[in-house]
Amino acid sequence: MNKFSSLSPNTQVPTARVPNAQVTALNSTVVSKIGATVADYIQLTKPRIIVLLLITTAGAMWIAGEGMVPWYQLMLTLLGGTLASASANTFNCVVDRDIDYIMERTRSRPLPSGRIQPYQAITFGSILGVLSFTLLAAFINPLSAWLALSGILFYVFVYTLGLKRTSTQNIVIGGAAGAIPPLVGWAAVTGDLSPSAWVLFGIIFLWTPPHFWALALMLRDDYRKAGIPMLPVVKGTEETVKQILLYTLLMVPMTLLLYPLGTMGLFYAVSASILGILFIARSWRLLSFPDDKQEARVVFKFSILYLMLLFAAMAMDSIIRLFM
């Protein structure tokens, strides 16, 4: 006789059950892995760099629109710019994964650590670039889309592949890529590029060497180990701080050009002058301590604050002029 034949129709046969604690732990592990993967892909895009680029894009839009920019136009342009910058930074991570492994500061990044494979990053960067171009071309205008695409191509092919490992002028020439976002912002509002737009380009172009050379002074040992010909590695710290001061002195007059062009008013002119004097003073002090990494850190951090305050002054000046 079958051993179950005596069971009544209502008899419950015991079944194996997974304890709730195990299910919860499994779900938690899956969520944790997904979160870690998402975080790795975000890290590829270098979000802290993107924030500065968006500030310059938004500032250019605000000025071009004389303080009157539709919110949807602003948001879509910033989204397109974010995708473009993220794409360029992702490709940069792919190309530089070998030197990132050598440098202690970057060894734990997703690609050198093996958490993300190169083909995955290339696919991700390509998708971001296509989305950026499509968004800007469809909802803003073609000029802004082509400018954003040119920024990606210049950063990847001219700076990362062409200059970074071959020339001490890598940051100077490569800085043009970081100066394109204001052009994108201006073109998004006006559909063209006026002299004021190119002044904004010039400001970022001249700001980039002091900013990155101060960082290079802090990390010169890492750059030397990786074989990257950054200025402090090839020419020494004294020559580097002289170049930092030189480019700062060139940048400050460029920032003031917006006043005689009529793009900015008196509030901006005064603010830019004060900020410029402070930047020059920081750079001048560095001449006395070319080997002091802490002094270089001060200049590096101030350069970021300087750029944020400069574009904040542009926005405030536009608001003041709007209500005068």
Protein backbone atom coordinates (compact mmCIF):
# COMPACT_ATOMS: atom_id res chain seq x y z
CA MET A 1 0.00 0.00 0.00
CA ASN A 2 1.23 3.50 -0.82
CA LYS A 3 2.37 5.21 2.35
CA PHE A 4 0.29 8.29 1.44
CA SER A 5 -2.92 6.37 0.75
CA SER A 6 -4.09 6.78 4.30
CA LEU A 7 -3.93 10.54 4.12
CA SER A 8 -7.25 12.29 3.89
CA PRO A 9 -7.86 14.86 1.14
CA ASN A 10 -7.52 17.67 3.68
CA THR A 11 -4.22 16.47 5.08
CA GLN A 12 -1.41 19.04 4.49
CA VAL A 13 1.86 17.61 3.21
CA PRO A 14 4.84 19.51 4.67
CA THR A 15 6.87 21.51 2.10
CA ALA A 16 10.35 22.95 2.34
CA ARG A 17 10.37 26.61 3.24
CA VAL A 18 13.17 29.16 2.95
CA PRO A 19 13.40 31.07 6.21
CA ASN A 20 12.37 34.72 5.92
CA ALA A 21 15.77 35.79 7.21
CA GLN A 22 17.51 34.03 4.31
CA VAL A 23 15.18 35.61 1.75
CA THR A 24 15.80 39.04 3.24
CA ALA A 25 19.55 38.47 3.24
CA LEU A 26 19.46 37.31 -0.39
CA ASN A 27 17.45 40.34 -1.48
CA SER A 28 19.78 42.61 0.44
CA THR A 29 22.81 41.08 -1.29
CA VAL A 30 21.26 41.52 -4.75
CA VAL A 31 20.33 45.14 -4.03
CA SER A 32 23.81 45.78 -2.64
CA LYS A 33 25.48 44.39 -5.76
CA ILE A 34 23.25 46.44 -8.06
CA GLY A 35 23.95 49.55 -6.02
CA ALA A 36 27.70 48.93 -6.14
CA THR A 37 27.59 48.45 -9.92
CA VAL A 38 25.60 51.64 -10.42
CA ALA A 39 28.07 53.48 -8.20
CA ASP A 40 30.96 52.16 -10.30
CA TYR A 41 29.40 53.39 -13.54
CA ILE A 42 28.74 56.78 -11.96
CA GLN A 43 32.37 56.91 -10.84
CA LEU A 44 33.46 56.40 -14.45
CA THR A 45 31.77 59.69 -15.35
CA LYS A 46 33.76 61.71 -12.76
CA PRO A 47 30.74 63.58 -11.39
CA ARG A 48 32.77 66.15 -9.44
CA ILE A 49 34.30 67.42 -12.67
CA ILE A 50 30.87 67.54 -14.32
CA VAL A 51 29.51 69.86 -11.61
CA LEU A 52 32.03 72.57 -12.52
CA LEU A 53 31.26 72.19 -16.22
CA LEU A 54 27.54 72.55 -15.55
CA ILE A 55 28.15 75.75 -13.58
CA THR A 56 29.89 77.30 -16.58
CA THR A 57 27.15 76.05 -18.94
CA ALA A 58 24.35 77.45 -16.79
CA GLY A 59 26.23 80.73 -16.32
CA ALA A 60 26.64 81.16 -20.07
CA MET A 61 22.94 80.44 -20.61
CA TRP A 62 21.92 82.94 -17.97
CA ILE A 63 24.07 85.66 -19.50
CA ALA A 64 23.01 84.90 -23.08
CA GLY A 65 19.36 85.00 -22.04
CA GLU A 66 19.89 88.20 -20.02
CA GLY A 67 18.53 86.50 -16.93
CA MET A 68 15.51 85.02 -18.71
CA VAL A 69 15.97 81.36 -19.60
CA PRO A 70 12.97 78.97 -19.75
CA TRP A 71 13.37 76.28 -17.10
CA TYR A 72 12.87 73.41 -19.56
CA GLN A 73 15.55 74.80 -21.87
CA LEU A 74 17.94 75.10 -18.95
CA MET A 75 17.24 71.58 -17.67
CA LEU A 76 17.47 69.91 -21.09
CA THR A 77 20.71 71.70 -21.94
CA LEU A 78 22.28 70.80 -18.61
CA LEU A 79 21.16 67.20 -19.05
CA GLY A 80 22.68 67.10 -22.53
CA GLY A 81 25.89 68.64 -21.19
CA THR A 82 25.99 66.15 -18.33
CA LEU A 83 25.67 63.22 -20.73
CA ALA A 84 28.38 64.64 -23.01
CA SER A 85 30.82 65.22 -20.15
CA ALA A 86 30.04 61.81 -18.68
CA SER A 87 30.73 60.20 -22.05
CA ALA A 88 34.08 61.96 -22.46
CA ASN A 89 35.16 61.11 -18.91
CA THR A 90 34.19 57.47 -19.36
CA PHE A 91 36.31 57.13 -22.51
CA ASN A 92 39.14 58.88 -20.66
CA CYS A 93 38.94 56.21 -17.95
CA VAL A 94 39.13 53.46 -20.59
CA VAL A 95 42.24 54.90 -22.22
CA ASP A 96 43.96 55.70 -18.92
CA ARG A 97 43.19 52.46 -17.09
CA ASP A 98 46.84 51.35 -17.26
CA ILE A 99 48.25 54.48 -15.67
CA ASP A 100 45.33 54.64 -13.25
CA TYR A 101 46.51 51.26 -11.96
CA ILE A 102 50.02 52.62 -11.40
CA MET A 103 48.91 55.75 -9.54
CA GLU A 104 47.85 55.16 -5.95
CA ARG A 105 45.17 57.85 -6.12
CA THR A 106 43.32 56.10 -8.97
CA ARG A 107 44.13 52.42 -8.46
CA SER A 108 40.76 51.64 -6.90
CA ARG A 109 38.74 53.04 -9.83
CA PRO A 110 36.32 50.58 -11.50
CA LEU A 111 38.46 49.79 -14.57
CA PRO A 112 41.94 49.28 -13.07
CA SER A 113 40.40 47.31 -10.20
CA GLY A 114 38.58 45.04 -12.68
CA ARG A 115 35.07 45.72 -11.40
CA ILE A 116 34.08 46.97 -14.88
CA GLN A 117 35.52 45.66 -18.13
CA PRO A 118 36.76 47.99 -20.92
CA TYR A 119 34.11 46.84 -23.43
CA GLN A 120 31.39 47.61 -20.88
CA ALA A 121 32.76 51.10 -20.30
CA ILE A 122 33.09 51.75 -24.04
CA THR A 123 29.47 50.71 -24.57
CA PHE A 124 28.36 52.91 -21.68
CA GLY A 125 30.33 55.92 -22.93
CA SER A 126 28.98 55.48 -26.46
CA ILE A 127 25.38 55.35 -25.24
CA LEU A 128 25.91 58.51 -23.20
CA GLY A 129 27.40 60.33 -26.19
CA VAL A 130 24.57 59.32 -28.53
CA LEU A 131 21.96 60.35 -25.98
CA SER A 132 23.64 63.72 -25.48
CA PHE A 133 23.76 64.53 -29.19
CA THR A 134 20.21 63.32 -29.82
CA LEU A 135 18.76 65.24 -26.89
CA LEU A 136 20.44 68.53 -27.76
CA ALA A 137 19.79 68.23 -31.51
CA ALA A 138 16.12 67.32 -31.06
CA PHE A 139 15.09 69.63 -28.24
CA ILE A 140 17.60 72.51 -28.21
CA ASN A 141 19.38 73.16 -31.53
CA PRO A 142 21.95 71.50 -33.82
CA LEU A 143 24.77 73.92 -32.97
CA SER A 144 24.70 73.05 -29.28
CA ALA A 145 24.65 69.34 -30.17
CA TRP A 146 27.66 69.58 -32.47
CA LEU A 147 29.58 71.65 -29.94
CA ALA A 148 28.95 69.06 -27.22
CA LEU A 149 30.07 66.29 -29.57
CA SER A 150 33.21 68.24 -30.49
CA GLY A 151 34.00 68.50 -26.79
CA ILE A 152 33.82 64.72 -26.43
CA LEU A 153 36.00 64.10 -29.48
CA PHE A 154 38.57 66.74 -28.54
CA TYR A 155 38.90 65.47 -24.97
CA VAL A 156 39.26 61.84 -26.02
CA PHE A 157 41.36 62.06 -29.18
CA VAL A 158 43.34 65.29 -28.84
CA TYR A 159 43.93 65.42 -25.08
CA THR A 160 43.71 61.83 -23.78
CA LEU A 161 45.15 59.95 -26.77
CA GLY A 162 47.28 62.67 -28.35
CA LEU A 163 48.75 64.95 -25.69
CA LYS A 164 48.46 63.60 -22.16
CA ARG A 165 51.37 61.16 -22.45
CA THR A 166 53.49 63.10 -24.93
CA SER A 167 53.59 66.83 -24.08
CA THR A 168 54.02 69.15 -21.11
CA GLN A 169 51.42 71.33 -22.83
CA ASN A 170 48.78 68.62 -22.47
CA ILE A 171 46.74 70.65 -20.00
CA VAL A 172 47.07 73.90 -21.95
CA ILE A 173 45.81 72.58 -25.28
CA GLY A 174 43.55 69.97 -23.71
CA GLY A 175 41.92 72.74 -21.69
CA ALA A 176 39.97 73.68 -24.81
CA ALA A 177 37.72 70.68 -24.19
CA GLY A 178 36.77 71.98 -20.76
CA ALA A 179 36.11 75.41 -22.23
CA ILE A 180 33.44 74.16 -24.65
CA PRO A 181 30.52 73.88 -22.15
CA PRO A 182 30.03 77.69 -22.01
CA LEU A 183 29.79 77.67 -25.81
CA VAL A 184 27.17 74.93 -25.60
CA GLY A 185 25.19 76.97 -23.09
CA TRP A 186 25.41 80.16 -25.14
CA ALA A 187 24.47 78.41 -28.38
CA ALA A 188 21.54 76.69 -26.65
CA VAL A 189 19.97 80.08 -25.93
CA THR A 190 20.96 82.18 -28.94
CA GLY A 191 21.67 79.65 -31.68
CA ASP A 192 25.00 81.36 -32.45
CA LEU A 193 28.34 82.29 -30.86
CA SER A 194 28.95 85.98 -30.17
CA PRO A 195 32.27 87.54 -29.05
CA SER A 196 31.08 87.28 -25.44
CA ALA A 197 30.68 83.53 -25.82
CA TRP A 198 34.30 83.28 -26.95
CA VAL A 199 35.40 85.39 -23.98
CA LEU A 200 33.77 82.82 -21.70
CA PHE A 201 35.64 80.14 -23.63
CA GLY A 202 38.86 82.09 -23.11
CA ILE A 203 38.25 82.42 -19.37
CA ILE A 204 37.96 78.67 -18.88
CA PHE A 205 40.81 77.98 -21.29
CA LEU A 206 43.19 80.23 -19.30
CA TRP A 207 41.84 79.07 -15.93
CA THR A 208 42.55 75.41 -16.67
CA PRO A 209 46.41 75.44 -16.53
CA PRO A 210 46.69 77.08 -13.07
CA HIS A 211 43.96 74.78 -11.77
CA PHE A 212 45.46 71.51 -13.05
CA TRP A 213 49.10 72.44 -12.56
CA ALA A 214 48.36 73.11 -8.90
CA LEU A 215 46.90 69.59 -8.77
CA ALA A 216 49.96 68.27 -10.61
CA LEU A 217 52.22 69.85 -7.97
CA MET A 218 50.33 67.92 -5.32
CA LEU A 219 50.52 64.64 -7.25
CA ARG A 220 53.84 65.01 -9.03
CA ASP A 221 55.25 61.80 -7.51
CA ASP A 222 52.31 59.80 -8.85
CA TYR A 223 52.63 61.40 -12.29
CA ARG A 224 56.37 60.68 -12.33
CA LYS A 225 55.74 57.04 -11.43
CA ALA A 226 53.17 56.73 -14.22
CA GLY A 227 55.42 58.40 -16.79
CA ILE A 228 53.03 61.28 -17.48
CA PRO A 229 54.98 64.38 -18.65
CA MET A 230 53.16 66.88 -16.49
CA LEU A 231 54.96 70.21 -16.17
CA PRO A 232 56.24 69.69 -12.58
CA VAL A 233 57.72 66.31 -13.58
CA VAL A 234 59.53 67.56 -16.69
CA LYS A 235 60.32 71.21 -15.94
CA GLY A 236 60.33 71.18 -12.14
CA THR A 237 58.24 72.89 -9.51
CA GLU A 238 59.75 76.38 -9.86
CA GLU A 239 58.95 76.60 -13.56
CA THR A 240 55.46 75.26 -12.89
CA VAL A 241 54.58 77.92 -10.32
CA LYS A 242 55.88 80.60 -12.69
CA GLN A 243 53.55 79.27 -15.38
CA ILE A 244 50.67 79.19 -12.90
CA LEU A 245 51.22 82.87 -12.16
CA LEU A 246 51.61 83.72 -15.86
CA TYR A 247 48.31 82.09 -16.86
CA THR A 248 46.56 83.69 -13.88
CA LEU A 249 47.80 87.10 -15.02
CA LEU A 250 46.49 86.37 -18.52
CA MET A 251 43.15 85.09 -17.25
CA VAL A 252 42.18 88.06 -15.08
CA PRO A 253 42.09 90.63 -17.93
CA MET A 254 40.10 88.12 -19.97
CA THR A 255 37.43 88.00 -17.24
CA LEU A 256 37.18 91.80 -17.32
CA LEU A 257 36.52 91.94 -21.09
CA LEU A 258 32.85 91.15 -20.46
CA TYR A 259 32.40 94.64 -19.01
CA PRO A 260 33.54 96.76 -22.01
CA LEU A 261 31.66 94.38 -24.30
CA GLY A 262 28.51 95.40 -22.45
CA THR A 263 27.70 91.81 -21.52
CA MET A 264 28.27 92.42 -17.82
CA GLY A 265 27.77 95.45 -15.60
CA LEU A 266 29.60 97.20 -12.78
CA PHE A 267 28.77 94.59 -10.12
CA TYR A 268 30.48 91.89 -12.14
CA ALA A 269 33.46 94.11 -13.02
CA VAL A 270 34.13 94.85 -9.33
CA SER A 271 33.59 91.23 -8.28
CA ALA A 272 35.84 89.88 -11.06
CA SER A 273 38.55 92.38 -10.11
CA ILE A 274 38.50 91.38 -6.45
CA LEU A 275 38.49 87.67 -7.25
CA GLY A 276 41.28 88.15 -9.77
CA ILE A 277 43.46 89.99 -7.24
CA LEU A 278 42.94 87.18 -4.75
CA PHE A 279 43.85 84.54 -7.34
CA ILE A 280 47.01 86.45 -8.31
CA ALA A 281 47.95 86.79 -4.63
CA ARG A 282 47.54 83.03 -4.12
CA SER A 283 49.65 82.29 -7.18
CA TRP A 284 52.28 84.83 -6.16
CA ARG A 285 52.59 83.27 -2.71
CA LEU A 286 53.16 79.89 -4.32
CA LEU A 287 56.35 81.31 -5.90
CA SER A 288 57.90 81.38 -2.44
CA PHE A 289 56.94 77.76 -1.69
CA PRO A 290 57.17 75.86 -5.00
CA ASP A 291 57.82 72.52 -3.30
CA ASP A 292 55.14 72.86 -0.63
CA LYS A 293 52.27 70.55 -1.55
CA GLN A 294 50.03 72.19 1.03
CA GLU A 295 50.44 75.58 -0.67
CA ALA A 296 49.65 73.92 -4.00
CA ARG A 297 46.53 72.43 -2.44
CA VAL A 298 45.44 75.90 -1.33
CA VAL A 299 45.79 77.23 -4.89
CA PHE A 300 43.98 74.20 -6.31
CA LYS A 301 41.01 74.54 -3.97
CA PHE A 302 40.87 78.29 -4.40
CA SER A 303 40.80 77.92 -8.19
CA ILE A 304 37.58 75.90 -7.87
CA LEU A 305 36.04 78.44 -5.49
CA TYR A 306 37.18 81.25 -7.78
CA LEU A 307 35.41 79.83 -10.82
CA MET A 308 32.20 79.20 -8.90
CA LEU A 309 32.16 82.72 -7.46
CA LEU A 310 33.03 84.29 -10.80
CA PHE A 311 30.04 82.68 -12.52
CA ALA A 312 27.87 83.44 -9.50
CA ALA A 313 28.84 87.10 -9.96
CA MET A 314 27.79 86.85 -13.60
CA ALA A 315 24.40 85.51 -12.58
CA MET A 316 23.93 88.14 -9.89
CA ASP A 317 24.93 90.92 -12.28
CA SER A 318 22.37 89.66 -14.79
CA ILE A 319 19.65 89.73 -12.12
CA ILE A 320 20.60 93.25 -11.05
CA ARG A 321 20.53 94.51 -14.62
CA LEU A 322 17.23 92.76 -15.25
CA PHE A 323 15.48 94.78 -12.54
CA MET A 324 17.22 98.10 -13.11
